[in-house]
Amino acid sequence: MNRPEERGVRSNRAPGGEGERPLGIFKFEHADDVASTDTTDDVLVMRVMGVRGTKKIATLTELVRHGAPLKVISKLEQVYGASQKELSDYLSIPPSTINRRKQRGEHLSSQETDRAVRYARLYKLAKDMMQGNDVTTLRWLKSPKKILGGETPMERATTEAGVAEVEQLIGRIRHGVFS
């Protein structure tokens, strides 16, 4: 029982043993470093955030508990095509706080990381709905919707209840349920 797959641990090797995958901010050193509790969706959401796991932080839950590095903010700005001010408004983190933490090399708090994960998950869901098209994904996320009271999905997602509404809307659209 020495092989990783026998211990329920997935390898970070590319299929066919072709070498290491690009790893991002955190890095898996060995197959033993990857938790078997990762789900495909969690891995994809972490990828949207520009984060990969470590032995200590291998799942979204652990990332939220420990706090994400501030590079997550820059990655989400890039993914959403948003300014730091726009994204800080959505995440309820003042730009001055972000800048101060960058200077000090600090991480996001667990609450702030949770909100960042919310937006990464929202982007992933919308992109799946738009069959991988980034342009239509962003257009949809940034366009007001009558069903959301005239708010954009990004504006509505500033609360957990709001993101649940947006996720339900995405589910209805994906399944052809007209609202």
C-alpha atoms as a PDB file:
ATOM      1  CA  MET A   1       0.000   0.000   0.000  1.00  0.00           C
ATOM      2  CA  ASN A   2       2.752   2.410  -0.904  1.00  0.00           C
ATOM      3  CA  ARG A   3       1.333   3.855  -4.089  1.00  0.00           C
ATOM      4  CA  PRO A   4      -0.632   7.131  -3.747  1.00  0.00           C
ATOM      5  CA  GLU A   5      -3.705   5.791  -5.533  1.00  0.00           C
ATOM      6  CA  GLU A   6      -3.908   2.962  -2.979  1.00  0.00           C
ATOM      7  CA  ARG A   7      -4.038   5.538  -0.179  1.00  0.00           C
ATOM      8  CA  GLY A   8      -6.854   7.486  -1.872  1.00  0.00           C
ATOM      9  CA  VAL A   9      -4.488  10.313  -2.885  1.00  0.00           C
ATOM     10  CA  ARG A  10      -4.464  11.758  -6.385  1.00  0.00           C
ATOM     11  CA  SER A  11      -1.241  12.603  -8.106  1.00  0.00           C
ATOM     12  CA  ASN A  12      -0.419  16.014  -9.520  1.00  0.00           C
ATOM     13  CA  ARG A  13       1.268  14.339 -12.461  1.00  0.00           C
ATOM     14  CA  ALA A  14      -0.241  14.823 -15.887  1.00  0.00           C
ATOM     15  CA  PRO A  15      -2.035  11.750 -17.325  1.00  0.00           C
ATOM     16  CA  GLY A  16       0.435   9.260 -18.719  1.00  0.00           C
ATOM     17  CA  GLY A  17       3.211  10.377 -16.351  1.00  0.00           C
ATOM     18  CA  GLU A  18       4.196  13.331 -18.539  1.00  0.00           C
ATOM     19  CA  GLY A  19       5.511  15.461 -15.696  1.00  0.00           C
ATOM     20  CA  GLU A  20       4.278  18.120 -13.337  1.00  0.00           C
ATOM     21  CA  ARG A  21       1.376  20.417 -14.137  1.00  0.00           C
ATOM     22  CA  PRO A  22       1.812  24.190 -13.743  1.00  0.00           C
ATOM     23  CA  LEU A  23       1.021  24.882 -10.114  1.00  0.00           C
ATOM     24  CA  GLY A  24       0.428  28.559  -9.414  1.00  0.00           C
ATOM     25  CA  ILE A  25       0.750  30.261  -6.022  1.00  0.00           C
ATOM     26  CA  PHE A  26       0.901  27.131  -3.861  1.00  0.00           C
ATOM     27  CA  LYS A  27       2.779  24.074  -4.980  1.00  0.00           C
ATOM     28  CA  PHE A  28       2.350  20.328  -4.590  1.00  0.00           C
ATOM     29  CA  GLU A  29       5.766  18.836  -4.026  1.00  0.00           C
ATOM     30  CA  HIS A  30       4.663  15.192  -4.054  1.00  0.00           C
ATOM     31  CA  ALA A  31       1.536  13.168  -4.697  1.00  0.00           C
ATOM     32  CA  ASP A  32       1.255  12.717  -0.920  1.00  0.00           C
ATOM     33  CA  ASP A  33       0.642  16.461  -0.592  1.00  0.00           C
ATOM     34  CA  VAL A  34      -2.737  16.356  -2.352  1.00  0.00           C
ATOM     35  CA  ALA A  35      -5.789  15.731  -0.216  1.00  0.00           C
ATOM     36  CA  SER A  36      -8.214  13.097  -1.417  1.00  0.00           C
ATOM     37  CA  THR A  37     -11.123  15.361  -0.400  1.00  0.00           C
ATOM     38  CA  ASP A  38     -10.669  17.691  -3.394  1.00  0.00           C
ATOM     39  CA  THR A  39     -13.629  17.800  -5.727  1.00  0.00           C
ATOM     40  CA  THR A  40     -13.306  18.724  -9.353  1.00  0.00           C
ATOM     41  CA  ASP A  41     -15.392  21.858  -8.751  1.00  0.00           C
ATOM     42  CA  ASP A  42     -13.195  22.926  -5.829  1.00  0.00           C
ATOM     43  CA  VAL A  43     -10.063  22.470  -7.913  1.00  0.00           C
ATOM     44  CA  LEU A  44     -11.578  24.500 -10.764  1.00  0.00           C
ATOM     45  CA  VAL A  45     -12.673  27.277  -8.401  1.00  0.00           C
ATOM     46  CA  MET A  46      -9.182  27.367  -6.885  1.00  0.00           C
ATOM     47  CA  ARG A  47      -7.790  27.563 -10.422  1.00  0.00           C
ATOM     48  CA  VAL A  48     -10.032  30.589 -11.162  1.00  0.00           C
ATOM     49  CA  MET A  49      -8.511  32.168  -8.055  1.00  0.00           C
ATOM     50  CA  GLY A  50      -4.986  31.339  -9.234  1.00  0.00           C
ATOM     51  CA  VAL A  51      -4.438  29.031  -6.265  1.00  0.00           C
ATOM     52  CA  ARG A  52      -3.327  25.429  -6.019  1.00  0.00           C
ATOM     53  CA  GLY A  53      -3.176  23.403  -2.850  1.00  0.00           C
ATOM     54  CA  THR A  54      -0.320  22.504  -0.546  1.00  0.00           C
ATOM     55  CA  LYS A  55      -0.076  19.787   2.050  1.00  0.00           C
ATOM     56  CA  LYS A  56      -1.561  22.243   4.543  1.00  0.00           C
ATOM     57  CA  ILE A  57      -4.108  23.852   2.212  1.00  0.00           C
ATOM     58  CA  ALA A  58      -5.495  21.399  -0.313  1.00  0.00           C
ATOM     59  CA  THR A  59      -9.233  22.143  -0.358  1.00  0.00           C
ATOM     60  CA  LEU A  60     -11.368  25.248  -0.611  1.00  0.00           C
ATOM     61  CA  THR A  61     -12.504  24.761   2.970  1.00  0.00           C
ATOM     62  CA  GLU A  62      -8.917  24.750   4.204  1.00  0.00           C
ATOM     63  CA  LEU A  63      -8.069  27.738   2.006  1.00  0.00           C
ATOM     64  CA  VAL A  64     -10.964  29.689   3.536  1.00  0.00           C
ATOM     65  CA  ARG A  65      -9.954  28.686   7.059  1.00  0.00           C
ATOM     66  CA  HIS A  66      -6.317  29.757   6.566  1.00  0.00           C
ATOM     67  CA  GLY A  67      -6.982  32.817   4.401  1.00  0.00           C
ATOM     68  CA  ALA A  68      -5.908  33.206   0.791  1.00  0.00           C
ATOM     69  CA  PRO A  69      -2.870  35.172  -0.336  1.00  0.00           C
ATOM     70  CA  LEU A  70      -3.615  38.666  -1.615  1.00  0.00           C
ATOM     71  CA  LYS A  71      -2.599  37.565  -5.122  1.00  0.00           C
ATOM     72  CA  VAL A  72      -6.130  36.147  -5.287  1.00  0.00           C
ATOM     73  CA  ILE A  73      -7.462  39.714  -5.543  1.00  0.00           C
ATOM     74  CA  SER A  74      -5.272  40.446  -8.576  1.00  0.00           C
ATOM     75  CA  LYS A  75      -6.287  37.154 -10.193  1.00  0.00           C
ATOM     76  CA  LEU A  76      -9.993  37.895  -9.711  1.00  0.00           C
ATOM     77  CA  GLU A  77      -9.488  41.431 -11.062  1.00  0.00           C
ATOM     78  CA  GLN A  78      -7.920  39.868 -14.142  1.00  0.00           C
ATOM     79  CA  VAL A  79     -10.613  37.179 -14.535  1.00  0.00           C
ATOM     80  CA  TYR A  80     -13.450  39.677 -14.143  1.00  0.00           C
ATOM     81  CA  GLY A  81     -11.765  42.497 -16.039  1.00  0.00           C
ATOM     82  CA  ALA A  82     -12.472  44.647 -12.998  1.00  0.00           C
ATOM     83  CA  SER A  83     -10.519  47.377 -11.285  1.00  0.00           C
ATOM     84  CA  GLN A  84      -9.288  46.925  -7.727  1.00  0.00           C
ATOM     85  CA  LYS A  85     -11.975  49.411  -6.618  1.00  0.00           C
ATOM     86  CA  GLU A  86     -14.771  47.451  -8.332  1.00  0.00           C
ATOM     87  CA  LEU A  87     -13.643  44.139  -6.905  1.00  0.00           C
ATOM     88  CA  SER A  88     -13.031  45.581  -3.449  1.00  0.00           C
ATOM     89  CA  ASP A  89     -16.636  46.861  -3.476  1.00  0.00           C
ATOM     90  CA  TYR A  90     -17.947  43.381  -4.354  1.00  0.00           C
ATOM     91  CA  LEU A  91     -15.755  41.745  -1.708  1.00  0.00           C
ATOM     92  CA  SER A  92     -16.431  44.465   0.900  1.00  0.00           C
ATOM     93  CA  ILE A  93     -12.716  45.050   1.437  1.00  0.00           C
ATOM     94  CA  PRO A  94     -11.604  48.693   1.253  1.00  0.00           C
ATOM     95  CA  PRO A  95      -8.804  49.296  -1.307  1.00  0.00           C
ATOM     96  CA  SER A  96      -6.691  50.862   1.469  1.00  0.00           C
ATOM     97  CA  THR A  97      -6.903  47.597   3.429  1.00  0.00           C
ATOM     98  CA  ILE A  98      -5.838  45.599   0.378  1.00  0.00           C
ATOM     99  CA  ASN A  99      -2.882  47.921  -0.255  1.00  0.00           C
ATOM    100  CA  ARG A 100      -1.801  47.906   3.401  1.00  0.00           C
ATOM    101  CA  ARG A 101      -1.919  44.098   3.526  1.00  0.00           C
ATOM    102  CA  LYS A 102       0.047  43.840   0.279  1.00  0.00           C
ATOM    103  CA  GLN A 103       2.780  46.007   1.801  1.00  0.00           C
ATOM    104  CA  ARG A 104       2.849  43.859   4.942  1.00  0.00           C
ATOM    105  CA  GLY A 105       2.666  40.542   3.044  1.00  0.00           C
ATOM    106  CA  GLU A 106      -0.522  39.536   4.839  1.00  0.00           C
ATOM    107  CA  HIS A 107      -3.284  37.185   3.678  1.00  0.00           C
ATOM    108  CA  LEU A 108      -7.015  37.746   3.392  1.00  0.00           C
ATOM    109  CA  SER A 109      -9.049  36.871   6.477  1.00  0.00           C
ATOM    110  CA  SER A 110     -11.170  33.739   6.341  1.00  0.00           C
ATOM    111  CA  GLN A 111     -14.321  35.850   5.815  1.00  0.00           C
ATOM    112  CA  GLU A 112     -12.692  37.777   2.975  1.00  0.00           C
ATOM    113  CA  THR A 113     -11.392  34.572   1.427  1.00  0.00           C
ATOM    114  CA  ASP A 114     -14.893  33.111   1.641  1.00  0.00           C
ATOM    115  CA  ARG A 115     -16.239  36.078  -0.324  1.00  0.00           C
ATOM    116  CA  ALA A 116     -13.440  35.707  -2.913  1.00  0.00           C
ATOM    117  CA  VAL A 117     -14.317  32.017  -3.267  1.00  0.00           C
ATOM    118  CA  ARG A 118     -17.948  33.041  -3.777  1.00  0.00           C
ATOM    119  CA  TYR A 119     -16.953  35.162  -6.794  1.00  0.00           C
ATOM    120  CA  ALA A 120     -14.583  32.529  -8.175  1.00  0.00           C
ATOM    121  CA  ARG A 121     -17.355  29.914  -7.942  1.00  0.00           C
ATOM    122  CA  LEU A 122     -19.834  32.298  -9.565  1.00  0.00           C
ATOM    123  CA  TYR A 123     -17.449  32.879 -12.470  1.00  0.00           C
ATOM    124  CA  LYS A 124     -16.917  29.137 -12.913  1.00  0.00           C
ATOM    125  CA  LEU A 125     -20.668  28.444 -12.916  1.00  0.00           C
ATOM    126  CA  ALA A 126     -21.384  31.243 -15.384  1.00  0.00           C
ATOM    127  CA  LYS A 127     -18.518  30.169 -17.638  1.00  0.00           C
ATOM    128  CA  ASP A 128     -19.828  26.594 -17.647  1.00  0.00           C
ATOM    129  CA  MET A 129     -23.265  27.944 -18.564  1.00  0.00           C
ATOM    130  CA  MET A 130     -21.705  29.929 -21.418  1.00  0.00           C
ATOM    131  CA  GLN A 131     -19.836  26.828 -22.606  1.00  0.00           C
ATOM    132  CA  GLY A 132     -16.440  28.236 -21.741  1.00  0.00           C
ATOM    133  CA  ASN A 133     -16.760  31.576 -23.534  1.00  0.00           C
ATOM    134  CA  ASP A 134     -15.096  34.240 -21.368  1.00  0.00           C
ATOM    135  CA  VAL A 135     -16.549  37.202 -23.275  1.00  0.00           C
ATOM    136  CA  THR A 136     -20.183  36.090 -22.973  1.00  0.00           C
ATOM    137  CA  THR A 137     -19.574  35.002 -19.373  1.00  0.00           C
ATOM    138  CA  LEU A 138     -18.415  38.479 -18.365  1.00  0.00           C
ATOM    139  CA  ARG A 139     -21.164  40.156 -20.377  1.00  0.00           C
ATOM    140  CA  TRP A 140     -23.782  38.037 -18.598  1.00  0.00           C
ATOM    141  CA  LEU A 141     -22.277  38.613 -15.133  1.00  0.00           C
ATOM    142  CA  LYS A 142     -22.063  42.386 -15.640  1.00  0.00           C
ATOM    143  CA  SER A 143     -25.491  42.931 -17.260  1.00  0.00           C
ATOM    144  CA  PRO A 144     -28.524  43.900 -15.155  1.00  0.00           C
ATOM    145  CA  LYS A 145     -31.229  41.221 -14.919  1.00  0.00           C
ATOM    146  CA  LYS A 146     -34.896  41.969 -14.313  1.00  0.00           C
ATOM    147  CA  ILE A 147     -35.233  38.765 -12.330  1.00  0.00           C
ATOM    148  CA  LEU A 148     -32.536  40.064  -9.963  1.00  0.00           C
ATOM    149  CA  GLY A 149     -34.346  43.338  -9.375  1.00  0.00           C
ATOM    150  CA  GLY A 150     -32.309  45.148 -12.015  1.00  0.00           C
ATOM    151  CA  GLU A 151     -28.980  44.219 -10.420  1.00  0.00           C
ATOM    152  CA  THR A 152     -26.154  42.478 -12.215  1.00  0.00           C
ATOM    153  CA  PRO A 153     -25.321  38.954 -11.012  1.00  0.00           C
ATOM    154  CA  MET A 154     -22.069  40.367  -9.593  1.00  0.00           C
ATOM    155  CA  GLU A 155     -23.940  43.030  -7.614  1.00  0.00           C
ATOM    156  CA  ARG A 156     -26.473  40.504  -6.312  1.00  0.00           C
ATOM    157  CA  ALA A 157     -23.705  38.125  -5.209  1.00  0.00           C
ATOM    158  CA  THR A 158     -22.406  40.465  -2.479  1.00  0.00           C
ATOM    159  CA  THR A 159     -24.320  38.375   0.082  1.00  0.00           C
ATOM    160  CA  GLU A 160     -24.626  34.626   0.543  1.00  0.00           C
ATOM    161  CA  ALA A 161     -28.388  34.866  -0.074  1.00  0.00           C
ATOM    162  CA  GLY A 162     -27.754  36.860  -3.242  1.00  0.00           C
ATOM    163  CA  VAL A 163     -25.225  34.409  -4.632  1.00  0.00           C
ATOM    164  CA  ALA A 164     -27.718  31.602  -3.965  1.00  0.00           C
ATOM    165  CA  GLU A 165     -30.257  33.475  -6.123  1.00  0.00           C
ATOM    166  CA  VAL A 166     -27.706  33.846  -8.932  1.00  0.00           C
ATOM    167  CA  GLU A 167     -26.727  30.177  -8.689  1.00  0.00           C
ATOM    168  CA  GLN A 168     -30.407  29.195  -8.876  1.00  0.00           C
ATOM    169  CA  LEU A 169     -30.846  31.431 -11.916  1.00  0.00           C
ATOM    170  CA  ILE A 170     -27.850  29.812 -13.611  1.00  0.00           C
ATOM    171  CA  GLY A 171     -29.296  26.387 -12.820  1.00  0.00           C
ATOM    172  CA  ARG A 172     -32.666  27.329 -14.314  1.00  0.00           C
ATOM    173  CA  ILE A 173     -31.035  28.699 -17.458  1.00  0.00           C
ATOM    174  CA  ARG A 174     -28.839  25.610 -17.846  1.00  0.00           C
ATOM    175  CA  HIS A 175     -31.883  23.358 -17.534  1.00  0.00           C
ATOM    176  CA  GLY A 176     -34.124  25.449 -19.793  1.00  0.00           C
ATOM    177  CA  VAL A 177     -36.473  26.590 -17.042  1.00  0.00           C
ATOM    178  CA  PHE A 178     -37.761  30.011 -18.019  1.00  0.00           C
ATOM    179  CA  SER A 179     -38.355  32.521 -15.257  1.00  0.00           C
END
